[in-house]
Protein backbone atom coordinates (compact mmCIF):
# COMPACT_ATOMS: atom_id res chain seq x y z
CA UNK A 1 -0.15 -0.03 -0.01
CA UNK A 2 1.35 3.52 -1.08
CA UNK A 3 1.70 6.00 1.72
CA UNK A 4 0.09 9.21 1.74
CA UNK A 5 3.47 11.17 1.49
CA UNK A 6 1.93 14.32 -0.19
CA UNK A 7 -1.21 14.39 1.72
CA UNK A 8 0.60 14.09 5.05
CA UNK A 9 2.92 17.02 3.94
CA UNK A 10 -0.36 19.07 2.93
CA UNK A 11 -2.26 18.34 5.91
CA UNK A 12 0.80 19.29 7.95
CA UNK A 13 1.29 22.30 6.21
CA UNK A 14 -2.47 23.67 6.42
CA UNK A 15 -2.43 22.61 10.11
CA UNK A 16 0.72 24.66 10.83
CA UNK A 17 -0.63 27.70 8.75
CA UNK A 18 -3.90 27.51 10.78
CA UNK A 19 -2.22 27.48 14.01
CA UNK A 20 0.17 30.27 13.24
CA UNK A 21 -2.84 32.50 12.07
CA UNK A 22 -4.68 31.87 15.39
CA UNK A 23 -1.62 32.58 17.42
CA UNK A 24 -0.77 35.66 15.29
CA UNK A 25 -4.52 36.84 15.62
CA UNK A 26 -4.10 36.48 19.53
CA UNK A 27 -0.87 38.25 19.91
CA UNK A 28 -1.69 41.30 17.67
CA UNK A 29 -4.42 42.05 20.23
CA UNK A 30 -1.36 43.15 22.30
CA UNK A 31 -0.20 45.51 19.55
CA UNK A 32 2.84 42.74 18.99
CA UNK A 33 3.60 40.55 15.89
CA UNK A 34 4.62 36.87 16.54
CA UNK A 35 8.41 37.38 16.66
CA UNK A 36 8.10 40.37 19.26
CA UNK A 37 5.94 38.33 21.58
CA UNK A 38 8.36 35.13 20.82
CA UNK A 39 11.10 37.37 22.06
CA UNK A 40 9.27 38.69 24.96
CA UNK A 41 8.23 35.01 26.22
CA UNK A 42 11.81 33.82 26.08
CA UNK A 43 13.10 36.82 28.08
CA UNK A 44 10.41 36.49 30.57
CA UNK A 45 10.82 32.85 30.95
CA UNK A 46 14.64 32.51 30.56
CA UNK A 47 16.28 35.78 31.56
CA UNK A 48 18.73 37.87 29.68
CA UNK A 49 19.78 36.51 26.18
CA UNK A 50 22.65 37.22 23.90
CA UNK A 51 20.98 39.23 21.13
CA UNK A 52 23.02 37.21 18.57
CA UNK A 53 21.38 33.62 19.85
CA UNK A 54 17.87 34.81 19.83
CA UNK A 55 17.07 34.24 16.08
CA UNK A 56 18.08 30.28 16.64
CA UNK A 57 15.80 30.32 19.79
CA UNK A 58 12.76 31.64 18.43
CA UNK A 59 13.34 30.24 14.81
CA UNK A 60 13.64 33.56 13.07
CA UNK A 61 16.40 34.71 10.54
CA UNK A 62 18.99 36.38 12.49
CA UNK A 63 18.69 39.18 10.30
CA UNK A 64 15.26 40.06 11.56
CA UNK A 65 16.42 39.91 15.08
CA UNK A 66 17.63 43.58 15.36
CA UNK A 67 14.56 45.09 13.85
CA UNK A 68 12.45 42.91 16.74
CA UNK A 69 14.80 43.98 19.48
CA UNK A 70 14.41 47.76 18.08
CA UNK A 71 10.74 47.67 18.13
CA UNK A 72 10.49 46.10 21.65
CA UNK A 73 12.92 48.78 22.73
CA UNK A 74 10.88 51.52 21.60
CA UNK A 75 7.82 50.11 23.38
CA UNK A 76 9.86 49.83 26.52
CA UNK A 77 9.61 46.13 27.15
CA UNK A 78 13.36 45.18 26.59
CA UNK A 79 16.51 47.14 26.82
CA UNK A 80 20.13 45.97 25.76
CA UNK A 81 22.95 45.43 27.92
CA UNK A 82 26.43 45.07 27.25
CA UNK A 83 28.11 41.82 28.19
CA UNK A 84 30.76 42.44 31.12
CA UNK A 85 33.49 39.89 29.94
CA UNK A 86 33.05 40.51 26.11
CA UNK A 87 32.44 43.89 24.40
CA UNK A 88 31.24 42.35 21.32
CA UNK A 89 28.25 40.72 22.86
CA UNK A 90 24.90 42.70 23.65
CA UNK A 91 22.37 41.02 25.54
CA UNK A 92 18.70 41.67 25.48
CA UNK A 93 17.22 41.99 28.97
CA UNK A 94 13.34 42.40 29.58
CA UNK A 95 12.42 45.59 31.61
CA UNK A 96 9.89 45.90 34.30
CA UNK A 97 7.29 47.15 31.85
CA UNK A 98 7.75 44.01 29.90
CA UNK A 99 7.62 41.82 32.83
CA UNK A 100 4.19 43.55 33.86
CA UNK A 101 2.99 43.22 30.34
CA UNK A 102 3.95 39.35 30.22
CA UNK A 103 2.35 38.73 33.78
CA UNK A 104 -0.76 40.05 32.24
CA UNK A 105 -0.77 38.82 28.58
CA UNK A 106 1.03 35.47 29.14
CA UNK A 107 -1.83 33.58 30.95
CA UNK A 108 -4.52 34.44 28.20
CA UNK A 109 -2.01 33.64 25.48
CA UNK A 110 -1.33 30.17 27.37
CA UNK A 111 -5.15 29.72 27.39
CA UNK A 112 -5.26 30.44 23.59
CA UNK A 113 -2.90 27.73 22.81
CA UNK A 114 -4.60 25.24 25.25
CA UNK A 115 -7.97 26.13 23.11
CA UNK A 116 -5.92 25.51 19.95
CA UNK A 117 -5.12 21.96 21.01
CA UNK A 118 -7.76 21.12 23.17
CA UNK A 119 -9.38 19.08 20.11
CA UNK A 120 -6.99 16.29 20.99
CA UNK A 121 -7.18 14.01 24.25
CA UNK A 122 -3.84 13.89 26.46
CA UNK A 123 -3.08 10.58 24.68
CA UNK A 124 -3.50 12.14 21.19
CA UNK A 125 -1.21 15.05 22.30
CA UNK A 126 1.49 12.77 23.27
CA UNK A 127 1.25 10.71 20.00
CA UNK A 128 1.23 13.88 17.98
CA UNK A 129 4.20 15.28 19.98
CA UNK A 130 6.26 12.04 19.43
CA UNK A 131 5.41 11.91 15.79
CA UNK A 132 6.42 15.60 15.14
CA UNK A 133 9.68 14.82 17.27
CA UNK A 134 10.53 11.85 14.88
CA UNK A 135 10.02 13.84 12.03
CA UNK A 136 12.07 16.69 12.99
CA UNK A 137 14.84 14.32 14.30
CA UNK A 138 14.40 12.47 10.91
CA UNK A 139 15.13 15.81 8.78
CA UNK A 140 17.79 16.84 10.73
CA UNK A 141 19.91 13.53 9.82
CA UNK A 142 18.78 14.20 6.25
């Protein structure tokens, strides 16, 4: 029996687009785009990060990160902090205003993500996570 490779690709692609559309709409109500929210979320949960590493961690081209950091800095949510040990490294750090924003926005955002996936049971969620991880690992090996 032939596997439905193209159908699986199309379904995965459409599902990804639908999830991203819903998440983009959710963060837009805060006046942010997806990349801005992702940077804020990372800094909120993980602390100060080297600006050069932000792109890899939130899956955005490094060329876009300076623009995202500039926008968040203008909104007062983050600031740049030089590394004490290496003058070439600059950190992005969340401000008090950014923390207050995330303390209010993140629980609502988390509820939205939960509502996106509440179609699946806990068992289905575990299977989906496992299958998607396996696909990702397979592609990394290629």
